[in-house]
């Protein structure tokens, strides 16, 4: 009878686990809150802390954050904080102590559960600080799970919302149990006691799983939430494995063999990725910009990796140029072109081989010229930074021709001093020590991991970019572009001063400089939004600069919208780079800048 008792207890535990764990909507949820919007008036001072944005600093000894409950559920709350005090502090949720905050002046995180509350209910997080202590908070996350497996399984805080199983799932569960009891009764009537022993052993693993689920619900602060179909599949799968007649030694041997085969397959896949070297399998780039006391910021020499936010590979050589490694000294008989500009010249959003400067180099080499094109473009640079780079660093490469790209923001008055003291420069300077420490601690990691990680992040980022990009097409971009720049005398005078500085530089270095204006997509075929282009073209020609007309080039293209990355981003796509590279190659050859060796 003990076998039948084990069988019945196992069935009861499995049934209890089903009713405790079954949740037809176990979908995990995570919400990140902006702390300035949650600050209770009079409790906090909003500002910066070592370059971080949206950081709150306490104004009183018991500051309060107020949030609206994301949904009708229980949540796990995570606070990112820095306590500038040697003594600890405490956090309270709706008046109850929930976490102890450590001091020491380091950024830390505190986790605690938030009991069930209705959607939109006010949740007050207050802090008790030691005398003289300063508390900084930069982020608060709410999530309704601790562990999750896709959309089918999650371990949530106890007392969370649970959607009852459907009638069909419950009926299927009872049908399965009825069939099992019917089969067990038939065996019992036939008096096959050895079979009953085996039956107990078959159901014992399922009962053990059910016992674990029951204990988790009764003795811990968490609860298992699993889709009913998932629970049934696990139950049936456990029974099938336990019912196998395969001897234990043979089963263990097969398991070891399968494990070794899996490891071998992973090693082979890793070797293939190392040889093939697809860009998406490379480690993600963590920091490709660095502080510069001369220019504000510049490309970080040696940075390389996958940019997961928009999905392209970045490689910065030891000289801070995007592209392959080159010698500082120009090889004999080689004509060097130095490309200056911002993210459009850098090639934001496209592979290195697709940027117009690399395509230009390939086309000129195919035409029989010994040439090197250096990409000195830096995202977010202003034309005064490009000019400063040319004088302070660019001339070291011995360029024979300068290509200077201007964008809409490059025609407005600015100075190097402004960028050196800018928020971005200050932030990069303060984070430099952390970047160096992380680089020193970094170690090798599998290409398979990077391939999976970058693929997942790229899919999510692409979806988010399309959803969050406020300017997904030409028409929406026109709403933010300035109008009639060339009709404002003061603005034109400022641009004239900028062009004058470029003219002085050209006369000093005695090198040809070609200027061209890179249009935003929304400015094409829209004269009111082309004032910057008209003013730069006129002033450049008056100063004796060769001016290449990219606006007319793109407007004459049969499909100008396909030249950009819309709706994901407003930068040039691979086609836009290719069209510009082809036109620049023809211009450079026709104007006689090059001579075949």
Protein backbone atom coordinates (compact mmCIF):
# COMPACT_ATOMS: atom_id res chain seq x y z
CA UNK A 1 0.00 0.00 0.00
CA UNK A 2 2.90 2.35 0.54
CA UNK A 3 3.37 2.55 -3.23
CA UNK A 4 -0.22 3.53 -3.75
CA UNK A 5 0.11 6.11 -0.96
CA UNK A 6 3.15 7.60 -2.70
CA UNK A 7 1.22 7.62 -5.96
CA UNK A 8 -1.80 9.41 -4.44
CA UNK A 9 0.36 11.93 -2.52
CA UNK A 10 2.32 12.71 -5.68
CA UNK A 11 -0.92 13.29 -7.60
CA UNK A 12 -2.26 15.56 -4.84
CA UNK A 13 0.97 17.60 -4.72
CA UNK A 14 0.97 17.96 -8.51
CA UNK A 15 -2.66 19.12 -8.45
CA UNK A 16 -1.92 21.61 -5.66
CA UNK A 17 1.05 22.95 -7.63
CA UNK A 18 -1.17 23.44 -10.68
CA UNK A 19 -3.71 25.51 -8.77
CA UNK A 20 -1.02 27.53 -7.01
CA UNK A 21 1.14 28.21 -10.08
CA UNK A 22 -1.33 28.37 -12.97
CA UNK A 23 -1.55 31.92 -14.33
CA UNK A 24 -2.96 32.46 -17.81
CA UNK A 25 -1.14 35.84 -18.02
CA UNK A 26 2.27 35.42 -16.33
CA UNK A 27 3.75 38.19 -18.47
CA UNK A 28 6.65 39.95 -16.73
CA UNK A 29 6.57 43.73 -16.48
CA UNK A 30 9.29 46.26 -15.80
CA UNK A 31 8.92 50.01 -15.42
CA UNK A 32 11.63 52.63 -14.98
CA UNK A 33 10.62 55.91 -13.35
CA UNK A 34 12.16 59.34 -13.79
CA UNK A 35 13.04 60.50 -10.29
CA UNK A 36 12.54 64.26 -10.83
CA UNK A 37 8.86 63.63 -11.61
CA UNK A 38 8.51 61.57 -8.42
CA UNK A 39 10.11 64.11 -6.07
CA UNK A 40 7.75 65.48 -3.45
CA UNK A 41 7.95 69.26 -3.34
CA UNK A 42 10.36 70.52 -0.70
CA UNK A 43 12.10 67.16 -0.26
CA UNK A 44 14.67 67.26 -3.04
CA UNK A 45 16.90 69.45 -5.14
CA UNK A 46 17.25 68.36 -8.76
CA UNK A 47 20.62 68.69 -10.44
CA UNK A 48 23.75 66.86 -11.50
CA UNK A 49 26.12 64.60 -9.62
CA UNK A 50 29.46 63.95 -11.33
CA UNK A 51 28.01 64.39 -14.76
CA UNK A 52 24.89 62.25 -14.26
CA UNK A 53 21.56 63.54 -15.47
CA UNK A 54 18.34 63.65 -13.50
CA UNK A 55 19.85 63.12 -10.06
CA UNK A 56 18.02 64.17 -6.90
CA UNK A 57 19.73 65.42 -3.76
CA UNK A 58 17.84 65.49 -0.47
CA UNK A 59 16.87 68.86 0.92
CA UNK A 60 15.44 67.59 4.24
CA UNK A 61 16.29 64.72 6.61
CA UNK A 62 13.24 62.67 5.54
CA UNK A 63 12.83 63.12 1.78
CA UNK A 64 9.96 61.38 -0.02
CA UNK A 65 9.47 59.95 -3.51
CA UNK A 66 5.90 59.37 -4.71
CA UNK A 67 5.03 56.97 -7.52
CA UNK A 68 1.87 55.59 -9.06
CA UNK A 69 1.67 51.80 -8.97
CA UNK A 70 2.35 50.64 -12.57
CA UNK A 71 -0.41 48.03 -12.49
CA UNK A 72 -2.65 46.00 -10.23
CA UNK A 73 0.13 43.79 -8.93
CA UNK A 74 2.89 43.30 -6.37
CA UNK A 75 6.32 44.56 -7.40
CA UNK A 76 10.00 44.28 -6.64
CA UNK A 77 11.45 47.79 -6.28
CA UNK A 78 15.06 48.71 -6.98
CA UNK A 79 16.55 52.09 -6.04
CA UNK A 80 19.90 53.36 -7.34
CA UNK A 81 21.36 55.67 -4.73
CA UNK A 82 24.51 57.19 -3.25
CA UNK A 83 24.65 57.93 0.47
CA UNK A 84 27.37 60.39 1.42
CA UNK A 85 27.66 59.40 5.06
CA UNK A 86 29.59 56.97 7.24
CA UNK A 87 26.37 55.89 8.94
CA UNK A 88 23.62 53.90 7.21
CA UNK A 89 20.14 55.14 6.37
CA UNK A 90 16.81 53.34 5.95
CA UNK A 91 14.12 53.30 3.30
CA UNK A 92 10.41 53.00 4.06
CA UNK A 93 7.54 52.04 1.77
CA UNK A 94 4.20 53.52 2.82
CA UNK A 95 5.52 53.96 6.36
CA UNK A 96 7.07 50.48 6.77
CA UNK A 97 10.83 49.93 6.86
CA UNK A 98 11.88 47.87 3.83
CA UNK A 99 15.60 48.39 3.20
CA UNK A 100 18.86 49.50 4.80
CA UNK A 101 20.97 51.93 2.78
CA UNK A 102 24.74 51.66 3.11
CA UNK A 103 26.92 54.76 3.24
CA UNK A 104 30.42 55.27 1.91
CA UNK A 105 29.87 57.65 -0.99
CA UNK A 106 29.47 54.93 -3.64
CA UNK A 107 26.63 54.28 -6.04
CA UNK A 108 24.67 51.29 -4.80
CA UNK A 109 21.25 49.73 -5.23
CA UNK A 110 18.64 48.66 -2.71
CA UNK A 111 15.94 46.06 -3.44
CA UNK A 112 12.70 45.43 -1.56
CA UNK A 113 9.20 44.05 -2.27
CA UNK A 114 6.13 46.26 -2.67
CA UNK A 115 2.88 44.49 -1.66
CA UNK A 116 -0.09 44.26 -3.99
CA UNK A 117 -1.84 47.54 -4.79
CA UNK A 118 -4.31 48.63 -7.43
CA UNK A 119 -3.17 50.30 -10.63
CA UNK A 120 -2.39 53.98 -10.11
CA UNK A 121 -2.32 53.72 -6.31
CA UNK A 122 0.13 56.12 -4.66
CA UNK A 123 3.32 54.49 -3.34
CA UNK A 124 5.43 56.64 -1.02
CA UNK A 125 9.11 55.80 -0.59
CA UNK A 126 10.62 57.81 2.26
CA UNK A 127 14.13 57.83 3.67
CA UNK A 128 15.48 58.29 7.23
CA UNK A 129 18.93 59.84 6.91
CA UNK A 130 21.62 60.20 9.58
CA UNK A 131 22.47 63.67 10.74
CA UNK A 132 24.40 65.53 8.04
CA UNK A 133 23.99 62.70 5.51
CA UNK A 134 23.46 63.52 1.85
CA UNK A 135 21.39 61.16 -0.31
CA UNK A 136 21.44 61.14 -4.12
CA UNK A 137 18.92 59.09 -6.12
CA UNK A 138 19.15 58.65 -9.88
CA UNK A 139 16.71 55.86 -10.76
CA UNK A 140 13.88 53.73 -9.42
CA UNK A 141 12.75 50.53 -11.15
CA UNK A 142 9.55 48.55 -10.58
CA UNK A 143 9.30 44.96 -11.80
CA UNK A 144 6.83 42.24 -11.00
CA UNK A 145 9.23 39.29 -11.22
CA UNK A 146 12.48 37.97 -9.80
CA UNK A 147 13.15 35.29 -12.43
CA UNK A 148 11.40 34.82 -15.75
CA UNK A 149 11.40 32.40 -18.65
CA UNK A 150 10.02 34.24 -21.64
CA UNK A 151 6.29 34.86 -21.37
CA UNK A 152 5.50 31.41 -19.89
CA UNK A 153 7.09 31.34 -16.43
CA UNK A 154 8.07 33.85 -13.78
CA UNK A 155 8.84 33.94 -10.08
CA UNK A 156 6.96 36.92 -8.66
CA UNK A 157 6.60 38.55 -5.26
CA UNK A 158 4.00 36.85 -3.08
CA UNK A 159 0.52 38.32 -3.28
CA UNK A 160 0.85 39.42 -6.89
CA UNK A 161 -1.94 39.45 -9.43
CA UNK A 162 -2.85 36.08 -10.92
CA UNK A 163 -5.15 35.48 -13.86
CA UNK A 164 -7.15 32.29 -13.35
CA UNK A 165 -6.61 29.43 -15.77
CA UNK A 166 -9.07 29.09 -18.60
CA UNK A 167 -11.88 26.55 -18.49
CA UNK A 168 -10.20 24.61 -21.28
CA UNK A 169 -6.89 24.34 -19.35
CA UNK A 170 -8.65 23.20 -16.17
CA UNK A 171 -10.67 20.67 -18.15
CA UNK A 172 -7.48 19.35 -19.77
CA UNK A 173 -5.83 19.03 -16.36
CA UNK A 174 -8.75 17.10 -14.91
CA UNK A 175 -8.97 14.93 -18.03
CA UNK A 176 -5.30 14.05 -17.63
CA UNK A 177 -5.74 13.22 -13.95
CA UNK A 178 -8.87 11.18 -14.65
CA UNK A 179 -7.01 9.11 -17.22
CA UNK A 180 -4.15 8.52 -14.77
CA UNK A 181 -6.48 7.41 -11.97
CA UNK A 182 -8.41 5.19 -14.37
CA UNK A 183 -5.17 3.51 -15.49
CA UNK A 184 -4.00 3.15 -11.90
CA UNK A 185 -7.34 1.59 -10.87
CA UNK A 186 -7.16 -0.89 -13.71
CA UNK A 187 -3.66 -1.93 -12.64
CA UNK A 188 -4.75 -2.21 -9.01
CA UNK A 189 -7.70 -4.51 -9.89
CA UNK A 190 -5.36 -6.80 -11.80
CA UNK A 191 -3.24 -7.12 -8.64
CA UNK A 192 0.03 -6.31 -10.30
CA UNK A 193 1.96 -5.13 -7.26
CA UNK A 194 5.31 -4.75 -9.10
CA UNK A 195 3.56 -2.40 -11.47
CA UNK A 196 2.25 -0.33 -8.57
CA UNK A 197 5.79 0.06 -7.27
CA UNK A 198 6.91 1.23 -10.65
CA UNK A 199 3.89 3.52 -10.87
CA UNK A 200 4.89 5.19 -7.63
CA UNK A 201 8.44 5.71 -8.90
CA UNK A 202 7.10 7.25 -12.10
CA UNK A 203 4.97 9.83 -10.28
CA UNK A 204 7.45 10.53 -7.49
CA UNK A 205 9.48 13.17 -9.51
CA UNK A 206 6.27 14.99 -10.45
CA UNK A 207 5.24 14.96 -6.78
CA UNK A 208 8.65 16.32 -5.79
CA UNK A 209 8.26 19.21 -8.24
CA UNK A 210 4.79 19.87 -6.86
CA UNK A 211 6.18 19.87 -3.30
CA UNK A 212 8.83 22.44 -4.28
CA UNK A 213 6.15 24.73 -5.74
CA UNK A 214 4.01 24.37 -2.60
CA UNK A 215 6.96 25.13 -0.31
CA UNK A 216 7.92 28.19 -2.37
CA UNK A 217 4.41 29.56 -2.03
CA UNK A 218 4.04 28.80 1.68
CA UNK A 219 7.53 29.42 3.05
CA UNK A 220 9.05 32.18 0.90
CA UNK A 221 8.21 35.69 -0.19
CA UNK A 222 7.70 34.60 -3.78
CA UNK A 223 5.16 32.76 -5.85
CA UNK A 224 5.46 30.71 -9.04
CA UNK A 225 3.45 32.01 -11.99
CA UNK A 226 3.33 29.73 -15.03
CA UNK A 227 1.01 29.41 -17.98
CA UNK A 228 -1.31 26.39 -17.53
CA UNK A 229 -0.07 24.82 -20.78
CA UNK A 230 3.51 25.20 -19.51
CA UNK A 231 2.59 23.46 -16.22
CA UNK A 232 0.90 20.59 -18.04
CA UNK A 233 3.83 20.23 -20.43
CA UNK A 234 6.32 20.06 -17.52
CA UNK A 235 4.13 17.51 -15.71
CA UNK A 236 3.74 15.27 -18.75
CA UNK A 237 7.42 15.61 -19.65
CA UNK A 238 8.45 14.59 -16.12
CA UNK A 239 6.19 11.53 -16.29
CA UNK A 240 7.60 10.57 -19.69
CA UNK A 241 11.19 10.78 -18.47
CA UNK A 242 10.44 8.83 -15.29
CA UNK A 243 8.55 6.14 -17.26
CA UNK A 244 11.52 5.41 -19.50
CA UNK A 245 12.76 1.83 -19.18
CA UNK A 246 16.31 2.84 -19.96
CA UNK A 247 18.74 1.62 -17.25
CA UNK A 248 20.22 4.35 -15.07
CA UNK A 249 23.80 3.70 -16.20
CA UNK A 250 22.81 3.81 -19.86
CA UNK A 251 20.76 6.99 -19.32
CA UNK A 252 23.71 8.61 -17.55
CA UNK A 253 26.01 7.63 -20.41
CA UNK A 254 23.62 9.13 -22.94
CA UNK A 255 23.39 12.32 -20.90
CA UNK A 256 27.17 12.62 -20.76
CA UNK A 257 27.40 11.92 -24.49
CA UNK A 258 24.78 14.55 -25.28
CA UNK A 259 26.57 17.05 -23.06
CA UNK A 260 29.91 16.43 -24.76
CA UNK A 261 28.29 16.67 -28.20
CA UNK A 262 26.68 19.98 -27.22
CA UNK A 263 29.99 21.34 -25.92
CA UNK A 264 31.75 20.25 -29.10
CA UNK A 265 29.09 21.97 -31.21
CA UNK A 266 29.52 25.16 -29.19
CA UNK A 267 33.31 25.04 -29.59
CA UNK A 268 32.96 24.53 -33.35
CA UNK A 269 30.46 27.40 -33.57
CA UNK A 270 32.84 29.63 -31.59
CA UNK A 271 35.68 28.70 -33.97
CA UNK A 272 33.51 29.49 -37.00
CA UNK A 273 32.64 32.91 -35.57
CA UNK A 274 36.31 33.65 -34.86
CA UNK A 275 37.31 32.79 -38.44
CA UNK A 276 34.27 34.31 -40.16
CA UNK A 277 34.28 37.34 -37.82
CA UNK A 278 30.79 38.77 -38.48
CA UNK A 279 30.54 42.27 -36.96
CA UNK A 280 27.53 41.36 -34.83
CA UNK A 281 29.59 38.72 -32.99
CA UNK A 282 32.14 41.26 -31.81
CA UNK A 283 31.95 42.74 -28.29
CA UNK A 284 29.77 45.81 -28.03
CA UNK A 285 31.52 49.13 -27.93
CA UNK A 286 31.16 50.60 -24.45
CA UNK A 287 32.81 53.99 -24.90
CA UNK A 288 34.00 55.33 -28.25
CA UNK A 289 34.27 58.99 -27.18
CA UNK A 290 36.77 60.49 -24.75
CA UNK A 291 37.46 63.88 -23.21
CA UNK A 292 39.89 66.19 -24.99
CA UNK A 293 41.24 69.32 -23.26
CA UNK A 294 41.82 70.86 -26.69
CA UNK A 295 38.59 69.99 -28.52
CA UNK A 296 36.08 69.00 -25.83
CA UNK A 297 35.84 65.39 -26.99
CA UNK A 298 37.15 63.12 -29.71
CA UNK A 299 37.07 59.49 -30.81
CA UNK A 300 38.65 57.10 -28.34
CA UNK A 301 41.79 55.51 -29.89
CA UNK A 302 41.52 51.74 -30.04
CA UNK A 303 37.77 51.58 -29.35
CA UNK A 304 36.10 48.75 -31.23
CA UNK A 305 32.83 46.89 -30.98
CA UNK A 306 29.20 46.63 -31.90
CA UNK A 307 26.99 49.68 -31.35
CA UNK A 308 23.84 47.98 -30.09
CA UNK A 309 21.56 51.02 -30.03
CA UNK A 310 21.35 51.35 -33.79
CA UNK A 311 23.21 48.24 -34.97
CA UNK A 312 26.57 48.82 -36.64
CA UNK A 313 30.23 48.08 -35.97
CA UNK A 314 32.69 50.76 -34.85
CA UNK A 315 36.47 50.56 -35.20
CA UNK A 316 38.68 53.45 -34.11
CA UNK A 317 42.39 53.14 -34.87
CA UNK A 318 45.24 54.25 -32.61
CA UNK A 319 45.10 57.79 -34.08
CA UNK A 320 41.41 58.30 -33.25
CA UNK A 321 40.23 57.85 -36.85
CA UNK A 322 37.39 55.57 -37.83
CA UNK A 323 38.94 52.93 -40.05
CA UNK A 324 41.95 50.63 -40.33
CA UNK A 325 45.32 51.27 -38.75
CA UNK A 326 47.60 53.61 -40.71
CA UNK A 327 51.08 55.03 -40.27
CA UNK A 328 51.43 58.58 -39.03
CA UNK A 329 53.95 59.31 -41.77
CA UNK A 330 52.51 59.37 -45.27
CA UNK A 331 53.94 56.61 -47.49
CA UNK A 332 55.93 57.81 -50.47
CA UNK A 333 53.84 58.37 -53.57
CA UNK A 334 50.50 58.25 -51.69
CA UNK A 335 47.94 61.05 -51.94
CA UNK A 336 46.15 61.60 -48.63
CA UNK A 337 42.69 63.07 -48.19
CA UNK A 338 41.57 64.12 -44.71
CA UNK A 339 37.81 64.09 -44.12
CA UNK A 340 36.47 66.37 -41.37
CA UNK A 341 32.95 66.59 -40.02
CA UNK A 342 30.42 65.27 -37.54
CA UNK A 343 28.40 62.05 -37.31
CA UNK A 344 27.50 62.20 -41.03
CA UNK A 345 31.18 61.92 -41.96
CA UNK A 346 31.82 59.47 -39.12
CA UNK A 347 29.15 57.25 -40.66
CA UNK A 348 26.60 56.98 -37.87
CA UNK A 349 24.41 53.92 -38.41
CA UNK A 350 26.36 52.27 -41.26
CA UNK A 351 29.31 49.90 -41.44
CA UNK A 352 32.80 51.27 -41.87
CA UNK A 353 33.04 49.99 -45.46
CA UNK A 354 29.79 51.80 -46.30
CA UNK A 355 30.85 55.30 -45.17
CA UNK A 356 31.31 57.72 -48.04
CA UNK A 357 34.96 58.36 -47.16
CA UNK A 358 35.85 54.64 -47.35
CA UNK A 359 33.79 54.19 -50.53
CA UNK A 360 35.56 57.25 -51.98
CA UNK A 361 38.92 55.66 -51.22
CA UNK A 362 37.86 52.38 -52.88
CA UNK A 363 36.64 54.16 -56.03
CA UNK A 364 39.80 56.23 -56.44
CA UNK A 365 42.00 53.19 -55.90
CA UNK A 366 39.95 51.28 -58.49
CA UNK A 367 40.64 54.15 -60.90
CA UNK A 368 44.40 53.57 -60.51
CA UNK A 369 45.37 56.13 -57.86
CA UNK A 370 47.57 55.48 -54.81
CA UNK A 371 45.43 57.11 -52.18
CA UNK A 372 44.44 57.05 -48.51
CA UNK A 373 41.27 58.71 -47.22
CA UNK A 374 41.30 59.37 -43.46
CA UNK A 375 37.99 59.61 -41.62
CA UNK A 376 38.41 62.20 -38.85
CA UNK A 377 34.66 62.70 -38.38
CA UNK A 378 33.47 62.77 -34.75
CA UNK A 379 29.80 62.55 -33.71
CA UNK A 380 28.35 65.85 -32.42
CA UNK A 381 31.35 67.92 -33.52
CA UNK A 382 30.93 71.55 -34.58
CA UNK A 383 32.85 73.06 -37.51
CA UNK A 384 35.10 74.98 -35.08
CA UNK A 385 36.13 71.64 -33.55
CA UNK A 386 36.90 70.26 -37.00
CA UNK A 387 39.04 73.32 -37.73
CA UNK A 388 40.79 73.01 -34.37
CA UNK A 389 41.52 69.34 -35.04
CA UNK A 390 43.00 70.18 -38.44
CA UNK A 391 45.47 72.62 -36.90
CA UNK A 392 46.30 70.68 -33.73
CA UNK A 393 46.31 67.09 -35.01
CA UNK A 394 45.26 66.70 -38.63
CA UNK A 395 48.36 68.17 -40.24
CA UNK A 396 50.52 65.44 -38.67
CA UNK A 397 49.22 63.03 -41.32
CA UNK A 398 50.53 65.18 -44.17
CA UNK A 399 47.20 65.54 -46.03
CA UNK A 400 47.15 66.74 -49.64
CA UNK A 401 43.43 67.61 -49.71
CA UNK A 402 40.90 68.53 -47.00
CA UNK A 403 37.20 67.67 -47.23
CA UNK A 404 35.22 69.81 -44.75
CA UNK A 405 31.61 68.77 -44.14
CA UNK A 406 29.16 71.23 -42.58
CA UNK A 407 25.76 70.38 -41.10
CA UNK A 408 22.90 72.64 -40.05
CA UNK A 409 24.33 73.31 -36.57
CA UNK A 410 27.86 74.02 -37.88
CA UNK A 411 26.94 77.42 -39.30
CA UNK A 412 26.07 78.97 -35.93
CA UNK A 413 28.59 80.91 -33.87
CA UNK A 414 30.55 78.96 -31.27
CA UNK A 415 34.06 78.47 -29.86
CA UNK A 416 36.39 75.71 -28.75
CA UNK A 417 36.27 77.00 -25.19
CA UNK A 418 32.52 76.49 -25.09
CA UNK A 419 32.84 72.84 -26.08
CA UNK A 420 35.72 72.16 -23.69
CA UNK A 421 33.49 73.38 -20.83
CA UNK A 422 30.29 71.77 -22.16
CA UNK A 423 28.28 69.22 -20.21
CA UNK A 424 29.32 66.40 -22.54
CA UNK A 425 33.02 67.19 -22.12
CA UNK A 426 32.73 67.47 -18.34
CA UNK A 427 30.86 64.17 -18.16
CA UNK A 428 33.45 62.38 -20.30
CA UNK A 429 36.28 63.78 -18.22
CA UNK A 430 34.70 62.60 -14.96
CA UNK A 431 33.93 59.14 -16.35
CA UNK A 432 37.42 58.60 -17.77
CA UNK A 433 38.72 56.90 -14.62
CA UNK A 434 35.78 54.46 -14.63
CA UNK A 435 36.34 53.66 -18.31
CA UNK A 436 40.02 52.90 -17.72
CA UNK A 437 39.20 50.70 -14.73
CA UNK A 438 36.61 48.71 -16.68
CA UNK A 439 39.00 48.32 -19.59
CA UNK A 440 41.69 46.99 -17.24
CA UNK A 441 39.26 44.51 -15.70
CA UNK A 442 37.75 43.38 -18.99
CA UNK A 443 38.43 39.80 -20.02
CA UNK A 444 37.73 37.52 -22.95
CA UNK A 445 34.14 36.41 -23.48
CA UNK A 446 32.68 34.02 -26.09
CA UNK A 447 31.69 35.29 -29.52
CA UNK A 448 28.48 33.25 -29.25
CA UNK A 449 27.46 35.32 -26.25
CA UNK A 450 28.13 38.59 -28.08
CA UNK A 451 26.23 37.36 -31.15
CA UNK A 452 23.18 36.51 -29.04
CA UNK A 453 23.45 39.66 -26.91
CA UNK A 454 23.91 42.04 -29.85
CA UNK A 455 21.13 40.38 -31.84
CA UNK A 456 18.66 40.74 -28.97
CA UNK A 457 19.72 44.31 -28.18
CA UNK A 458 19.68 45.28 -31.85
CA UNK A 459 16.14 43.97 -32.33
CA UNK A 460 14.94 45.78 -29.24
CA UNK A 461 16.79 49.00 -30.13
CA UNK A 462 15.47 48.96 -33.69
CA UNK A 463 11.94 48.57 -32.38
CA UNK A 464 12.47 51.32 -29.79
CA UNK A 465 14.07 53.68 -32.33
CA UNK A 466 11.09 53.33 -34.65
CA UNK A 467 8.71 53.89 -31.77
CA UNK A 468 10.57 56.71 -30.02
CA UNK A 469 12.12 58.56 -32.94
CA UNK A 470 10.07 61.80 -33.06
CA UNK A 471 11.24 62.58 -36.61
CA UNK A 472 10.73 59.40 -38.65
CA UNK A 473 10.37 61.15 -42.03
CA UNK A 474 11.17 64.33 -43.97
CA UNK A 475 7.92 66.05 -43.03
CA UNK A 476 8.43 65.66 -39.28
CA UNK A 477 12.03 66.88 -39.56
CA UNK A 478 10.86 70.09 -41.22
CA UNK A 479 9.06 71.02 -37.99
CA UNK A 480 12.36 71.43 -36.12
CA UNK A 481 14.63 72.76 -38.87
CA UNK A 482 15.35 76.52 -38.79
CA UNK A 483 13.80 78.63 -41.53
CA UNK A 484 15.25 81.39 -43.73
CA UNK A 485 18.69 81.49 -42.11
CA UNK A 486 20.12 83.58 -44.95
CA UNK A 487 17.59 86.35 -44.27
CA UNK A 488 18.95 87.01 -40.76
CA UNK A 489 21.86 89.41 -41.04
CA UNK A 490 23.31 88.62 -37.62
CA UNK A 491 23.42 84.86 -38.28
CA UNK A 492 24.99 85.37 -41.69
CA UNK A 493 27.64 87.65 -40.16
CA UNK A 494 28.51 84.93 -37.61
CA UNK A 495 28.85 82.37 -40.41
CA UNK A 496 31.04 84.77 -42.36
CA UNK A 497 33.39 84.90 -39.38
CA UNK A 498 33.51 81.09 -39.29
CA UNK A 499 34.32 80.89 -43.01
CA UNK A 500 36.93 83.60 -42.52
CA UNK A 501 38.73 81.45 -39.94
CA UNK A 502 38.78 78.56 -42.42
CA UNK A 503 40.18 80.92 -45.04
CA UNK A 504 42.99 82.03 -42.73
CA UNK A 505 43.81 78.39 -42.02
CA UNK A 506 43.88 77.54 -45.74
CA UNK A 507 46.26 80.42 -46.42
CA UNK A 508 48.48 79.32 -43.55
CA UNK A 509 48.72 75.62 -44.40
CA UNK A 510 48.55 76.17 -48.19
CA UNK A 511 46.38 73.10 -48.80
CA UNK A 512 43.18 72.87 -50.89
CA UNK A 513 39.99 72.66 -48.80
CA UNK A 514 36.68 71.60 -50.35
CA UNK A 515 33.61 72.67 -48.38
CA UNK A 516 30.21 71.00 -48.71
CA UNK A 517 26.93 71.23 -46.82
CA UNK A 518 25.27 68.00 -45.65
CA UNK A 519 21.49 68.48 -45.75
CA UNK A 520 18.99 66.97 -43.35
CA UNK A 521 16.40 64.92 -45.21
CA UNK A 522 13.66 67.37 -44.34
CA UNK A 523 15.54 70.23 -46.04
CA UNK A 524 15.54 68.59 -49.47
CA UNK A 525 13.20 70.35 -51.93
CA UNK A 526 12.16 72.75 -49.19
CA UNK A 527 13.67 76.24 -49.90
CA UNK A 528 12.61 77.77 -46.55
CA UNK A 529 14.77 75.15 -44.77
CA UNK A 530 17.83 75.67 -46.98
CA UNK A 531 18.95 79.06 -45.72
CA UNK A 532 22.09 77.64 -44.06
CA UNK A 533 23.05 75.89 -47.29
CA UNK A 534 22.58 79.01 -49.44
CA UNK A 535 24.52 81.21 -47.04
CA UNK A 536 27.42 78.75 -46.69
CA UNK A 537 27.62 78.26 -50.46
CA UNK A 538 27.73 82.00 -51.14
CA UNK A 539 30.25 82.81 -48.41
CA UNK A 540 32.49 79.86 -49.33
CA UNK A 541 32.62 80.87 -52.98
CA UNK A 542 33.31 84.48 -52.02
CA UNK A 543 36.22 83.28 -49.87
CA UNK A 544 37.62 81.29 -52.78
CA UNK A 545 36.73 77.82 -51.49
CA UNK A 546 35.64 75.08 -53.88
CA UNK A 547 32.08 74.26 -52.82
CA UNK A 548 30.49 70.95 -53.71
CA UNK A 549 26.68 71.04 -53.87
CA UNK A 550 25.38 67.96 -52.04
CA UNK A 551 21.87 69.43 -51.80
CA UNK A 552 21.43 69.45 -55.59
CA UNK A 553 23.02 66.01 -55.78
CA UNK A 554 20.47 64.49 -53.40
CA UNK A 555 17.51 66.42 -54.80
CA UNK A 556 18.30 65.05 -58.27
CA UNK A 557 18.24 61.46 -56.99
CA UNK A 558 15.12 59.57 -58.14
CA UNK A 559 14.47 58.30 -54.60
CA UNK A 560 15.89 60.83 -52.09
CA UNK A 561 14.04 59.28 -49.14
CA UNK A 562 16.03 56.06 -49.59
CA UNK A 563 19.27 57.97 -49.03
CA UNK A 564 18.57 58.23 -45.28
CA UNK A 565 17.94 55.78 -42.45
CA UNK A 566 14.36 56.88 -41.83
CA UNK A 567 12.26 55.92 -39.94
CA UNK A 568 14.91 54.55 -37.58
CA UNK A 569 17.25 57.53 -37.74
CA UNK A 570 17.87 60.73 -39.67
CA UNK A 571 21.47 60.05 -40.74
CA UNK A 572 22.56 58.87 -44.17
CA UNK A 573 22.03 55.24 -45.10
CA UNK A 574 24.40 53.12 -47.15
CA UNK A 575 22.86 54.37 -50.41
CA UNK A 576 23.27 58.03 -49.40
CA UNK A 577 26.95 57.43 -48.62
CA UNK A 578 27.49 55.60 -51.92
CA UNK A 579 25.88 58.38 -53.99
CA UNK A 580 28.01 61.04 -52.28
CA UNK A 581 31.22 59.01 -52.62
CA UNK A 582 30.68 58.52 -56.35
CA UNK A 583 30.05 62.24 -56.88
CA UNK A 584 33.09 63.29 -54.80
CA UNK A 585 35.34 60.89 -56.68
CA UNK A 586 34.30 62.39 -60.01
CA UNK A 587 34.74 65.92 -58.66
CA UNK A 588 38.23 65.23 -57.30
CA UNK A 589 39.39 63.68 -60.58
CA UNK A 590 37.80 66.34 -62.80
CA UNK A 591 39.27 69.25 -60.80
CA UNK A 592 42.75 67.81 -61.14
CA UNK A 593 43.59 67.27 -57.50
CA UNK A 594 45.05 63.87 -58.33
CA UNK A 595 47.74 62.67 -60.68
CA UNK A 596 48.24 59.04 -61.59
CA UNK A 597 51.67 57.71 -60.60
